[in-house]
Protein backbone atom coordinates (compact mmCIF):
# COMPACT_ATOMS: atom_id res chain seq x y z
CA MET A 1 125.91 107.21 93.01
CA THR A 2 123.39 109.11 95.44
CA VAL A 3 124.13 110.82 98.25
CA PHE A 4 121.81 107.98 99.78
CA GLY A 5 123.63 105.00 98.06
CA GLU A 6 126.80 106.10 99.66
CA ALA A 7 125.59 106.80 102.83
CA PHE A 8 124.43 103.41 103.28
CA GLY A 9 127.59 101.82 101.59
CA LEU A 10 125.78 100.30 98.20
CA PRO A 11 127.52 97.73 95.81
CA PRO A 12 128.08 98.09 92.34
CA GLY A 13 125.53 97.11 90.43
CA HIS A 14 123.02 97.12 93.16
CA MET A 15 120.36 100.23 92.87
CA LEU A 16 118.31 102.45 95.75
CA ARG A 17 114.32 103.42 94.82
CA GLU A 18 113.13 106.07 97.07
CA VAL A 19 109.42 104.78 98.57
CA ARG A 20 108.74 107.78 100.83
CA SER A 21 110.05 111.37 101.82
CA ALA A 22 108.82 113.77 104.06
CA SER A 23 109.91 116.74 106.20
CA GLN A 24 109.21 115.85 109.76
CA THR A 25 107.86 119.39 112.01
CA ARG A 26 107.14 120.29 114.99
CA GLY A 27 104.28 123.40 115.11
CA LYS A 28 105.04 125.42 111.98
CA ARG A 29 109.01 124.78 111.84
CA ALA A 30 110.38 122.50 110.04
CA VAL A 31 113.06 120.03 112.00
CA GLY A 32 114.02 117.62 109.78
CA TRP A 33 113.01 114.93 107.10
CA ARG A 34 112.79 111.24 106.94
CA TRP A 35 112.79 108.67 104.07
CA GLU A 36 112.67 105.46 103.35
CA HIS A 37 114.27 103.39 100.31
CA GLU A 38 114.60 100.08 98.76
CA GLU A 39 117.82 98.29 98.07
CA TYR A 40 117.81 95.61 94.72
CA ASP A 41 120.94 93.85 93.60
CA ALA A 42 121.87 93.50 89.70
CA GLY A 43 118.85 90.82 89.51
CA GLY A 44 116.10 93.16 90.71
CA ALA A 45 115.66 91.35 93.65
CA LEU A 46 115.38 93.00 97.14
CA VAL A 47 117.69 92.75 99.61
CA ALA A 48 117.25 95.74 102.06
CA VAL A 49 114.96 98.58 102.70
CA TYR A 50 116.22 101.76 104.71
CA GLU A 51 114.87 104.41 106.88
CA SER A 52 116.98 107.91 107.07
CA TRP A 53 116.89 110.77 108.63
CA THR A 54 118.44 113.73 109.33
CA THR A 55 117.01 116.40 112.19
CA GLN A 56 118.63 119.70 110.58
CA GLY A 57 115.60 121.36 108.74
CA ALA A 58 117.76 121.41 105.76
CA ASP A 59 117.45 118.92 102.89
CA PRO A 60 120.45 117.29 102.52
CA LEU A 61 120.01 116.57 98.76
CA ASP A 62 120.96 120.16 98.25
CA ALA A 63 124.44 121.15 97.03
CA ASP A 64 124.57 123.48 100.01
CA ALA A 65 122.87 121.94 103.16
CA ALA A 66 125.71 121.52 106.11
CA ASN A 67 125.56 117.62 107.20
CA GLY A 68 123.52 115.61 104.91
CA ILE A 69 121.88 112.21 106.18
CA GLU A 70 122.48 111.97 109.84
CA GLY A 71 121.70 108.68 110.51
CA PHE A 72 119.88 104.92 108.91
CA ILE A 73 118.50 101.93 109.45
CA LYS A 74 119.21 99.02 107.17
CA TYR A 75 116.36 96.26 107.73
CA SER A 76 116.31 92.73 105.70
CA PRO A 77 113.21 92.35 103.20
CA HIS A 78 112.49 90.61 106.05
CA GLY A 79 112.35 93.35 108.23
CA TRP A 80 114.87 92.19 111.02
CA PRO A 81 117.24 95.45 111.76
CA LEU A 82 120.71 95.09 110.51
CA ARG A 83 122.59 98.04 110.91
CA ARG A 84 122.11 101.24 112.25
CA PHE A 85 124.02 104.53 111.89
CA GLY A 86 123.25 107.13 114.49
CA SER A 87 120.68 107.81 116.71
CA PRO A 88 116.96 107.87 115.68
CA PRO A 89 115.45 111.74 116.50
CA ALA A 90 112.95 111.18 119.64
CA GLY A 91 109.59 110.34 118.71
CA PHE A 92 111.32 107.85 115.55
CA SER A 93 108.91 105.12 115.24
CA GLY A 94 110.96 102.69 112.99
CA GLY A 95 110.31 99.41 112.98
CA TYR A 96 109.90 98.68 109.36
CA GLY A 97 108.36 94.75 108.71
CA PRO A 98 108.36 92.15 111.82
CA GLY A 99 111.74 92.17 113.13
CA PRO A 100 112.53 93.29 116.58
CA ALA A 101 112.76 97.01 117.46
CA LEU A 102 116.23 98.68 117.88
CA ALA A 103 116.85 99.52 121.27
């Protein structure tokens, strides 16, 4: 299982698909990473979407990274927030889909 699958607590038989990833910068300095993943069940149905982040500037998939993923928000396929771990960094927009934003 991937670092992300473990962090999100994926059940056996489910898979993650990375939708996008991007380094976050302030000026010319890297200050973190953001990702979006989709979770599918064994039958191929979309069951959740995740937005995750780190603000350390290191790639958590690198074995030498200090702490890896600092937080994530799990959304239903309809965009409703289901779970949040950690606090989003300042300026994090969040808000996948039409559901209400998490405060």
